[in-house]
Amino acid sequence: MAKGILRKLHKVEHAVSAEISGHAKRGGLYAGGLASEGYVGGYRAAISDVMLALRGCRPCNRPEYWKHGEG
């Protein structure tokens, strides 16, 4: 079951990354650096965290949140 969910999440992650890339290309001087900092970038980070959790891993860049699920 997790494989099917991971497959769908991977497709969603790809679509979100394409949207971020599009924003970066259309914007001005700072668009490339800021494109992943908004809502869509946060959505991509959340998808990544869920994918890691489904694989049995804990995201290392946000350990303060994930430590609450241990024990």
C-alpha atoms as a PDB file:
ATOM      1  CA  MET A   1       0.000   0.000   0.000  1.00  0.00           C
ATOM      2  CA  ALA A   2       2.788   2.469   0.877  1.00  0.00           C
ATOM      3  CA  LYS A   3       4.355   1.929  -2.553  1.00  0.00           C
ATOM      4  CA  GLY A   4       1.227   3.201  -4.315  1.00  0.00           C
ATOM      5  CA  ILE A   5       1.013   6.202  -1.995  1.00  0.00           C
ATOM      6  CA  LEU A   6       4.705   6.946  -2.506  1.00  0.00           C
ATOM      7  CA  ARG A   7       4.276   6.734  -6.266  1.00  0.00           C
ATOM      8  CA  LYS A   8       1.431   9.257  -6.177  1.00  0.00           C
ATOM      9  CA  LEU A   9       3.314  11.542  -3.791  1.00  0.00           C
ATOM     10  CA  HIS A  10       6.344  11.459  -6.074  1.00  0.00           C
ATOM     11  CA  LYS A  11       4.176  12.654  -8.979  1.00  0.00           C
ATOM     12  CA  VAL A  12       2.702  15.420  -6.827  1.00  0.00           C
ATOM     13  CA  GLU A  13       6.170  16.430  -5.650  1.00  0.00           C
ATOM     14  CA  HIS A  14       7.298  16.662  -9.269  1.00  0.00           C
ATOM     15  CA  ALA A  15       4.318  18.878 -10.165  1.00  0.00           C
ATOM     16  CA  VAL A  16       4.946  21.155  -7.171  1.00  0.00           C
ATOM     17  CA  SER A  17       8.637  21.444  -8.072  1.00  0.00           C
ATOM     18  CA  ALA A  18       7.679  22.362 -11.634  1.00  0.00           C
ATOM     19  CA  GLU A  19       5.425  25.126 -10.299  1.00  0.00           C
ATOM     20  CA  ILE A  20       8.251  26.475  -8.134  1.00  0.00           C
ATOM     21  CA  SER A  21      10.610  26.359 -11.089  1.00  0.00           C
ATOM     22  CA  GLY A  22       8.097  28.254 -13.205  1.00  0.00           C
ATOM     23  CA  HIS A  23       7.810  30.996 -10.583  1.00  0.00           C
ATOM     24  CA  ALA A  24      11.590  31.253 -10.412  1.00  0.00           C
ATOM     25  CA  LYS A  25      11.943  31.610 -14.183  1.00  0.00           C
ATOM     26  CA  ARG A  26       9.198  34.236 -14.541  1.00  0.00           C
ATOM     27  CA  GLY A  27      10.345  36.442 -11.693  1.00  0.00           C
ATOM     28  CA  GLY A  28      12.966  39.087 -11.406  1.00  0.00           C
ATOM     29  CA  LEU A  29      16.317  39.259  -9.690  1.00  0.00           C
ATOM     30  CA  TYR A  30      15.338  37.519  -6.435  1.00  0.00           C
ATOM     31  CA  ALA A  31      12.666  35.168  -7.752  1.00  0.00           C
ATOM     32  CA  GLY A  32      14.996  32.194  -8.065  1.00  0.00           C
ATOM     33  CA  GLY A  33      15.966  32.350  -4.417  1.00  0.00           C
ATOM     34  CA  LEU A  34      12.522  33.108  -3.059  1.00  0.00           C
ATOM     35  CA  ALA A  35      10.369  30.851  -5.244  1.00  0.00           C
ATOM     36  CA  SER A  36      10.546  27.936  -2.815  1.00  0.00           C
ATOM     37  CA  GLU A  37      10.002  30.064   0.306  1.00  0.00           C
ATOM     38  CA  GLY A  38       6.225  30.509   0.037  1.00  0.00           C
ATOM     39  CA  TYR A  39       3.204  28.264   0.430  1.00  0.00           C
ATOM     40  CA  VAL A  40       4.165  25.963  -2.432  1.00  0.00           C
ATOM     41  CA  GLY A  41       7.656  25.462  -1.007  1.00  0.00           C
ATOM     42  CA  GLY A  42       6.187  24.547   2.358  1.00  0.00           C
ATOM     43  CA  TYR A  43       3.826  22.132   0.654  1.00  0.00           C
ATOM     44  CA  ARG A  44       6.797  20.468  -1.082  1.00  0.00           C
ATOM     45  CA  ALA A  45       8.625  20.171   2.260  1.00  0.00           C
ATOM     46  CA  ALA A  46       5.554  18.556   3.843  1.00  0.00           C
ATOM     47  CA  ILE A  47       5.251  16.061   0.990  1.00  0.00           C
ATOM     48  CA  SER A  48       8.919  15.211   1.430  1.00  0.00           C
ATOM     49  CA  ASP A  49       8.436  14.630   5.169  1.00  0.00           C
ATOM     50  CA  VAL A  50       5.477  12.312   4.571  1.00  0.00           C
ATOM     51  CA  MET A  51       7.432  10.356   1.958  1.00  0.00           C
ATOM     52  CA  LEU A  52      10.307   9.906   4.410  1.00  0.00           C
ATOM     53  CA  ALA A  53       7.914   8.807   7.162  1.00  0.00           C
ATOM     54  CA  LEU A  54       6.343   6.217   4.852  1.00  0.00           C
ATOM     55  CA  ARG A  55       9.843   4.878   4.165  1.00  0.00           C
ATOM     56  CA  GLY A  56      10.523   4.610   7.910  1.00  0.00           C
ATOM     57  CA  CYS A  57      12.891   7.583   8.093  1.00  0.00           C
ATOM     58  CA  ARG A  58      12.804  10.708  10.182  1.00  0.00           C
ATOM     59  CA  PRO A  59      13.467  14.045   8.466  1.00  0.00           C
ATOM     60  CA  CYS A  60      16.789  15.293   9.820  1.00  0.00           C
ATOM     61  CA  ASN A  61      16.181  19.001   9.183  1.00  0.00           C
ATOM     62  CA  ARG A  62      13.100  19.168  11.437  1.00  0.00           C
ATOM     63  CA  PRO A  63      13.925  16.814  14.334  1.00  0.00           C
ATOM     64  CA  GLU A  64      12.266  19.012  16.957  1.00  0.00           C
ATOM     65  CA  TYR A  65       8.847  18.145  15.535  1.00  0.00           C
ATOM     66  CA  TRP A  66       9.417  14.477  14.813  1.00  0.00           C
ATOM     67  CA  LYS A  67      10.810  13.623  18.259  1.00  0.00           C
ATOM     68  CA  HIS A  68       7.272  13.923  19.679  1.00  0.00           C
ATOM     69  CA  GLY A  69       6.159  10.850  17.752  1.00  0.00           C
ATOM     70  CA  GLU A  70       8.824   8.618  19.296  1.00  0.00           C
ATOM     71  CA  GLY A  71       8.506   6.444  22.316  1.00  0.00           C
END
